[in-house]
């Protein structure tokens, strides 16, 4: 009888901790992304512009690489006309997990297994829980965040301290 109770307790704890059903379920998010204009040509008819952009502009972007789980999509930092910033995950596709977060980090992205656990070694800013493991989603970047010092984004599993995938956020021209 004791072994049955022990088995039930261990099984319940394992189910709570690992949440294995999330490996077989997807949560798709379809949020509206910023209407960012496509780059203008620099032909003879284009007039030079001066001053800040009048609408949203992509200032950094990069494509996801896989770490612990297959991950793809694009991350982009958008500066809004009011000066605020958002992180957009465009076409994200990764595995679901028990405690996934979106972090900006100062750690470089490594495209192999050595990059799985580096993002909590340095400075990071949590933008929130991952809203879904598939689709388009946006996260407000807190004002005062120094984006020059945070050059990557990771889908971070806080429970197991591992990156599902990450993207380097390169400056756009």
Protein backbone atom coordinates (compact mmCIF):
# COMPACT_ATOMS: atom_id res chain seq x y z
CA UNK A 1 0.00 0.00 0.00
CA UNK A 2 2.87 2.38 0.77
CA UNK A 3 4.41 1.80 -2.66
CA UNK A 4 1.10 2.70 -4.32
CA UNK A 5 0.92 5.98 -2.41
CA UNK A 6 4.57 6.68 -3.23
CA UNK A 7 3.97 5.93 -6.91
CA UNK A 8 0.96 8.27 -7.00
CA UNK A 9 2.87 11.10 -5.29
CA UNK A 10 5.94 10.73 -7.52
CA UNK A 11 3.75 10.55 -10.64
CA UNK A 12 1.79 13.65 -9.62
CA UNK A 13 5.00 15.57 -8.90
CA UNK A 14 6.47 14.49 -12.24
CA UNK A 15 3.36 15.54 -14.13
CA UNK A 16 3.36 18.92 -12.40
CA UNK A 17 7.07 19.53 -12.96
CA UNK A 18 7.46 18.33 -16.57
CA UNK A 19 3.92 18.93 -17.93
CA UNK A 20 4.48 16.38 -20.73
CA UNK A 21 1.15 17.12 -22.43
CA UNK A 22 2.61 20.43 -23.58
CA UNK A 23 4.86 18.51 -25.97
CA UNK A 24 1.74 17.50 -27.88
CA UNK A 25 -0.24 20.74 -27.75
CA UNK A 26 0.25 24.01 -29.60
CA UNK A 27 -0.95 27.46 -28.73
CA UNK A 28 -1.14 29.77 -31.72
CA UNK A 29 -1.17 33.54 -31.27
CA UNK A 30 -2.20 35.98 -34.00
CA UNK A 31 -1.48 39.51 -32.80
CA UNK A 32 -1.37 42.55 -35.05
CA UNK A 33 2.18 43.51 -35.94
CA UNK A 34 3.35 47.05 -36.64
CA UNK A 35 2.70 48.31 -40.15
CA UNK A 36 6.32 48.95 -41.01
CA UNK A 37 6.97 50.49 -44.43
CA UNK A 38 9.19 48.55 -46.81
CA UNK A 39 12.59 50.09 -47.58
CA UNK A 40 12.48 52.92 -50.11
CA UNK A 41 14.59 52.79 -53.24
CA UNK A 42 17.37 55.32 -53.52
CA UNK A 43 16.65 56.13 -57.17
CA UNK A 44 16.58 59.63 -58.64
CA UNK A 45 12.89 60.19 -57.79
CA UNK A 46 13.21 59.56 -54.06
CA UNK A 47 13.53 62.66 -51.94
CA UNK A 48 15.84 62.66 -48.92
CA UNK A 49 14.06 62.54 -45.59
CA UNK A 50 15.07 64.28 -42.41
CA UNK A 51 14.03 63.91 -38.81
CA UNK A 52 12.62 60.91 -37.01
CA UNK A 53 10.28 58.53 -38.81
CA UNK A 54 6.60 59.43 -38.59
CA UNK A 55 5.53 55.83 -37.97
CA UNK A 56 6.93 52.60 -36.61
CA UNK A 57 10.38 51.50 -37.79
CA UNK A 58 12.30 48.24 -37.39
CA UNK A 59 15.61 49.08 -35.72
CA UNK A 60 16.93 45.56 -35.00
CA UNK A 61 16.05 42.11 -36.27
CA UNK A 62 17.28 38.56 -36.56
CA UNK A 63 16.21 35.01 -37.29
CA UNK A 64 15.83 32.36 -34.60
CA UNK A 65 18.19 29.40 -34.31
CA UNK A 66 17.22 26.21 -32.52
CA UNK A 67 18.61 25.23 -29.15
CA UNK A 68 16.90 22.68 -26.88
CA UNK A 69 13.89 22.48 -29.22
CA UNK A 70 13.42 23.26 -32.89
CA UNK A 71 12.68 26.98 -33.20
CA UNK A 72 12.30 29.28 -36.19
CA UNK A 73 10.82 32.65 -37.04
CA UNK A 74 12.04 36.21 -36.90
CA UNK A 75 12.44 38.64 -34.01
CA UNK A 76 12.37 42.36 -34.60
CA UNK A 77 12.57 45.41 -32.38
CA UNK A 78 10.21 48.15 -33.53
CA UNK A 79 10.52 51.79 -32.48
CA UNK A 80 7.07 53.37 -32.44
CA UNK A 81 6.43 56.98 -33.44
CA UNK A 82 6.08 57.91 -29.74
CA UNK A 83 9.60 56.57 -29.01
CA UNK A 84 8.46 53.40 -27.23
CA UNK A 85 9.78 50.01 -28.32
CA UNK A 86 8.21 46.59 -28.80
CA UNK A 87 9.64 43.19 -29.61
CA UNK A 88 7.74 41.37 -32.32
CA UNK A 89 8.04 37.63 -32.87
CA UNK A 90 7.06 37.04 -36.48
CA UNK A 91 6.07 33.56 -37.63
CA UNK A 92 7.40 31.96 -34.45
CA UNK A 93 7.33 28.17 -34.38
CA UNK A 94 8.77 26.28 -31.40
CA UNK A 95 7.76 23.57 -28.96
CA UNK A 96 5.46 24.30 -26.07
CA UNK A 97 6.92 24.07 -22.58
CA UNK A 98 6.08 24.41 -18.90
CA UNK A 99 7.55 27.83 -18.05
CA UNK A 100 8.56 29.70 -21.21
CA UNK A 101 9.58 33.35 -21.06
CA UNK A 102 10.76 35.95 -23.57
CA UNK A 103 14.07 37.51 -22.59
CA UNK A 104 16.29 40.17 -24.10
CA UNK A 105 19.88 39.28 -23.24
CA UNK A 106 23.44 40.55 -23.52
CA UNK A 107 24.72 37.05 -24.32
CA UNK A 108 25.77 36.17 -27.88
CA UNK A 109 23.69 33.61 -29.75
CA UNK A 110 25.46 30.33 -30.39
CA UNK A 111 23.87 28.08 -32.99
CA UNK A 112 24.77 24.79 -31.32
CA UNK A 113 24.24 23.00 -28.00
CA UNK A 114 26.75 25.32 -26.29
CA UNK A 115 24.15 28.10 -26.56
CA UNK A 116 21.42 26.30 -24.63
CA UNK A 117 22.28 27.57 -21.16
CA UNK A 118 24.17 30.86 -21.58
CA UNK A 119 21.41 33.43 -21.39
CA UNK A 120 21.09 33.56 -17.60
CA UNK A 121 24.87 34.03 -17.27
CA UNK A 122 24.73 37.72 -18.05
CA UNK A 123 22.27 40.58 -18.03
CA UNK A 124 18.72 39.97 -19.23
CA UNK A 125 15.32 41.65 -19.21
CA UNK A 126 12.20 39.51 -19.05
CA UNK A 127 9.43 40.78 -21.33
CA UNK A 128 6.85 38.27 -20.12
CA UNK A 129 5.61 34.73 -20.49
CA UNK A 130 5.58 33.37 -24.02
CA UNK A 131 2.00 33.90 -25.20
CA UNK A 132 2.04 30.92 -27.55
CA UNK A 133 4.51 28.62 -29.22
CA UNK A 134 3.30 29.51 -32.73
CA UNK A 135 2.35 32.68 -34.57
CA UNK A 136 2.88 36.44 -34.40
CA UNK A 137 3.14 38.15 -31.02
CA UNK A 138 4.31 41.43 -29.50
CA UNK A 139 5.94 42.32 -26.18
CA UNK A 140 6.40 45.83 -24.78
CA UNK A 141 10.00 46.68 -23.98
CA UNK A 142 10.20 48.64 -20.71
CA UNK A 143 11.21 52.27 -21.12
CA UNK A 144 14.79 52.88 -20.11
CA UNK A 145 15.93 49.50 -21.45
CA UNK A 146 19.33 49.96 -23.09
CA UNK A 147 18.91 48.10 -26.37
CA UNK A 148 22.55 48.75 -27.29
CA UNK A 149 23.55 46.38 -24.47
CA UNK A 150 20.95 43.67 -25.16
CA UNK A 151 21.75 42.19 -28.55
CA UNK A 152 19.77 38.96 -28.46
CA UNK A 153 16.38 37.49 -27.63
CA UNK A 154 15.71 34.00 -26.28
CA UNK A 155 12.70 31.82 -25.64
CA UNK A 156 13.81 30.78 -22.16
CA UNK A 157 12.47 27.88 -20.10
CA UNK A 158 12.79 29.28 -16.60
CA UNK A 159 11.98 25.99 -14.89
CA UNK A 160 14.85 24.10 -16.55
CA UNK A 161 17.21 27.04 -17.28
CA UNK A 162 17.48 26.28 -20.98
CA UNK A 163 16.93 28.18 -24.22
CA UNK A 164 14.44 26.73 -26.69
CA UNK A 165 15.79 29.08 -29.38
CA UNK A 166 17.37 32.51 -29.77
CA UNK A 167 18.00 35.28 -32.29
CA UNK A 168 20.75 37.88 -32.60
CA UNK A 169 19.23 41.33 -32.98
CA UNK A 170 21.33 43.09 -35.62
CA UNK A 171 20.91 46.78 -36.36
CA UNK A 172 18.96 47.53 -39.52
CA UNK A 173 20.06 50.27 -41.87
